[in-house]
Protein backbone atom coordinates (compact mmCIF):
# COMPACT_ATOMS: atom_id res chain seq x y z
CA MET A 1 26.30 -19.96 -14.53
CA ARG A 2 28.98 -18.34 -15.65
CA GLY A 3 27.57 -16.98 -18.68
CA VAL A 4 24.95 -15.25 -16.52
CA GLY A 5 27.37 -13.32 -14.76
CA VAL A 6 28.74 -12.05 -17.97
CA PHE A 7 24.91 -11.04 -19.00
CA MET A 8 24.20 -9.30 -15.92
CA GLU A 9 27.65 -7.46 -16.35
CA ALA A 10 26.77 -6.35 -19.73
CA SER A 11 22.76 -5.51 -18.83
CA SER A 12 24.32 -2.98 -15.79
CA GLU A 13 26.85 -1.16 -18.34
CA ILE A 14 23.80 -0.91 -20.77
CA LEU A 15 21.62 0.28 -18.05
CA LEU A 16 24.81 2.96 -17.01
CA ARG A 17 24.86 4.35 -20.61
CA ARG A 18 21.17 4.61 -20.43
CA ALA A 19 21.55 6.69 -17.38
CA GLN A 20 24.30 8.72 -18.62
CA ALA A 21 22.82 9.44 -21.88
CA TYR A 22 19.39 10.78 -20.36
CA ALA A 23 21.74 13.07 -17.42
CA GLY A 24 23.65 13.90 -20.30
CA ASP A 25 20.18 14.99 -21.78
CA ARG A 26 19.68 17.45 -18.94
CA SER A 27 23.13 18.75 -18.41
CA MET A 28 23.56 16.28 -15.39
CA ILE A 29 26.14 13.58 -14.63
CA VAL A 30 25.48 10.27 -12.76
CA PRO A 31 28.51 10.12 -10.55
CA GLY A 32 27.16 7.01 -8.84
CA GLN A 33 24.46 4.36 -8.60
CA LEU A 34 22.23 4.06 -5.43
CA GLY A 35 21.37 0.57 -5.88
CA PHE A 36 19.76 -2.37 -8.24
CA GLY A 37 17.18 -5.37 -8.04
CA HIS A 38 15.10 -7.25 -10.45
CA ASP A 39 13.26 -4.27 -12.20
CA GLY A 40 16.49 -2.26 -12.92
CA HIS A 41 18.99 0.04 -11.73
CA VAL A 42 19.09 3.48 -9.39
CA PHE A 43 21.73 5.57 -9.99
CA VAL A 44 22.05 9.22 -8.42
CA SER A 45 22.83 12.53 -10.32
CA ASN A 46 24.90 15.71 -9.37
CA GLU A 47 21.28 16.81 -9.22
CA HIS A 48 20.63 14.87 -5.50
CA THR A 49 17.63 12.96 -8.06
CA ALA A 50 17.70 9.08 -8.24
CA ILE A 51 17.26 7.88 -12.27
CA LYS A 52 15.75 4.38 -11.99
CA VAL A 53 16.80 2.81 -15.05
CA HIS A 54 14.19 -0.16 -15.97
CA GLU A 55 15.16 -3.72 -17.73
CA ARG A 56 11.51 -3.99 -19.02
CA ALA A 57 9.18 -1.82 -20.67
CA THR A 58 6.16 -3.41 -18.80
CA THR A 59 7.62 -2.24 -15.19
CA TYR A 60 8.46 0.63 -16.36
CA ARG A 61 5.35 1.78 -17.87
CA ASN A 62 3.26 0.51 -14.41
CA GLU A 63 5.90 2.01 -11.73
CA LEU A 64 5.86 5.68 -13.23
CA ALA A 65 1.82 4.83 -13.73
CA VAL A 66 2.00 4.88 -9.78
CA TYR A 67 4.01 7.78 -9.70
CA GLN A 68 2.05 9.82 -11.76
CA ARG A 69 -0.90 8.77 -9.57
CA LEU A 70 0.70 9.93 -6.37
CA ARG A 71 1.92 13.31 -7.62
CA GLU A 72 -1.55 14.19 -9.23
CA ARG A 73 -3.16 13.09 -5.52
CA GLY A 74 -0.54 15.10 -3.58
CA VAL A 75 1.19 11.95 -1.67
CA ASP A 76 4.23 12.60 -0.88
CA ARG A 77 3.75 10.94 2.47
CA VAL A 78 2.33 7.76 3.97
CA ALA A 79 2.22 6.95 7.73
CA ASP A 80 5.22 9.18 8.31
CA HIS A 81 7.35 7.51 5.48
CA HIS A 82 8.97 9.89 2.79
CA VAL A 83 7.77 9.15 -0.57
CA PRO A 84 10.38 9.67 -3.72
CA LYS A 85 8.38 12.96 -5.92
CA LEU A 86 8.07 12.22 -9.48
CA ILE A 87 10.48 14.36 -11.73
CA ASP A 88 10.48 13.36 -14.87
CA TRP A 89 10.56 10.36 -17.33
CA ASP A 90 11.81 9.36 -20.64
CA ASP A 91 9.53 6.51 -22.14
CA THR A 92 12.42 5.61 -24.70
CA ARG A 93 14.94 4.78 -22.19
CA LEU A 94 12.35 3.63 -19.82
CA ILE A 95 14.33 5.80 -17.05
CA ILE A 96 12.04 7.53 -14.15
CA GLU A 97 13.66 10.09 -12.06
CA MET A 98 12.62 10.82 -8.75
CA SER A 99 13.59 12.62 -5.40
CA ILE A 100 16.13 11.27 -3.41
CA VAL A 101 14.05 11.04 0.46
CA PRO A 102 15.28 10.11 3.89
CA ARG A 103 14.29 7.36 6.07
CA PRO A 104 11.73 6.40 6.95
CA PHE A 105 10.47 6.09 2.99
CA VAL A 106 7.81 3.80 0.99
CA LEU A 107 9.25 3.34 -2.82
CA ASP A 108 9.87 0.91 -5.60
CA PHE A 109 6.53 0.55 -7.34
CA ALA A 110 7.34 -1.72 -10.26
CA SER A 111 5.28 -4.44 -9.17
CA ALA A 112 2.53 -2.29 -7.36
CA MET A 113 -0.92 -2.11 -8.95
CA LEU A 114 -3.47 0.19 -9.67
CA ASP A 115 -7.13 0.71 -8.36
CA HIS A 116 -7.35 -3.08 -7.79
CA ALA A 117 -5.52 -5.80 -5.99
CA PRO A 118 -5.14 -9.42 -7.28
CA ARG A 119 -7.14 -12.14 -5.79
CA PHE A 120 -4.92 -14.67 -3.81
CA PRO A 121 -6.14 -17.96 -2.18
CA GLN A 122 -5.98 -17.38 1.25
CA HIS A 123 -3.37 -20.03 2.35
CA VAL A 124 -0.91 -17.78 0.32
CA ILE A 125 -2.17 -14.51 1.75
CA ASP A 126 -0.76 -16.71 5.31
CA GLU A 127 2.21 -17.44 3.86
CA ARG A 128 3.49 -13.89 2.40
CA THR A 129 1.54 -12.82 5.71
CA GLU A 130 4.32 -14.99 7.81
CA HIS A 131 7.15 -13.85 5.64
CA TRP A 132 6.40 -10.44 5.63
CA LEU A 133 6.32 -10.98 9.81
CA GLU A 134 9.93 -12.30 9.96
CA LEU A 135 11.38 -9.47 7.75
CA PHE A 136 10.18 -6.75 9.58
CA GLY A 137 10.44 -8.17 12.93
CA GLU A 138 8.78 -5.84 15.43
CA ASN A 139 8.07 -3.18 12.51
CA TRP A 140 5.76 -5.46 11.14
CA GLU A 141 2.29 -3.68 12.64
CA GLN A 142 3.44 -0.65 10.88
CA VAL A 143 3.70 -2.24 7.69
CA PRO A 144 -0.37 -3.41 7.17
CA LEU A 145 -1.01 0.77 8.31
CA ILE A 146 1.58 2.11 5.53
CA VAL A 147 -0.28 -0.65 2.73
CA LEU A 148 -3.81 0.15 3.59
CA GLU A 149 -3.37 4.44 3.86
CA LEU A 150 -1.26 3.75 -0.13
CA GLU A 151 -4.74 1.93 -1.18
CA LEU A 152 -7.03 4.78 0.10
CA ARG A 153 -5.49 7.80 -0.39
CA ALA A 154 -4.14 7.07 -4.24
CA GLY A 155 -5.72 3.36 -5.13
CA VAL A 156 -1.64 1.86 -5.07
CA TYR A 157 -1.98 -2.10 -4.04
CA LEU A 158 2.18 -2.40 -2.80
CA LEU A 159 2.06 -6.15 -3.38
CA ASP A 160 5.67 -7.02 -2.79
CA PRO A 161 6.63 -5.07 0.92
CA HIS A 162 10.08 -5.84 2.05
CA PRO A 163 12.72 -3.52 3.61
CA GLY A 164 14.08 -2.50 0.74
CA ASN A 165 10.85 -0.56 -0.24
CA ILE A 166 9.58 0.10 3.28
CA ALA A 167 12.11 1.10 5.52
CA PHE A 168 12.04 2.30 9.26
CA GLU A 169 13.91 5.03 10.81
CA ASP A 170 15.70 2.47 12.92
CA ASP A 171 16.43 -0.09 9.76
C-alpha cells in the first residue's frame, strides 16, 4: 500500500504542473486546489475559474463533449441548480477550464453519457437507487428531476449522481 501513496503524490504533482503550465500560457496563476477525485484534480485560477486536469484521455474527451453540448444548448441551470460554463480546454494537457458555480450545483460529467444511456438489469437499478437514497436523504426526490432535465434538454445521461456532483443549498 505504501507504493500507492507515492504514486498518488507523484500523480498529483504532475497534474499540478500541467495546470500551472496551462495557466501560465494564459497569464494566470493557480493559487490552490478546489478538489480531486477518480478522474483528476480541480484547481482554482486567479481568474476565479476552475481548471480540471484529467488523468485519462477517455474521461477528458467524454467530459469535454458534455460541456460542449451544454454550451451548445445554452444549459447553465438544471432544476434551479447551477451548471459550470465551459471557458476553454487543452487537448494536449487534458484540461477543461470552466466557471466556478455556487450551490446548488450540478457538475463533474466525466462519466456521463451523451444521447443514450446504457441498459442495466433491474436489480442493479434497484441497488443503485437504494444507495442514492441513502446518500441524498431528504433531497433524493429532486435528484431524478435533475437527471431527467439533463436528459431532455441536452441528451446528457448522468450515471453517477452523488453529493459531490449534485449539491443542494442546504448541504
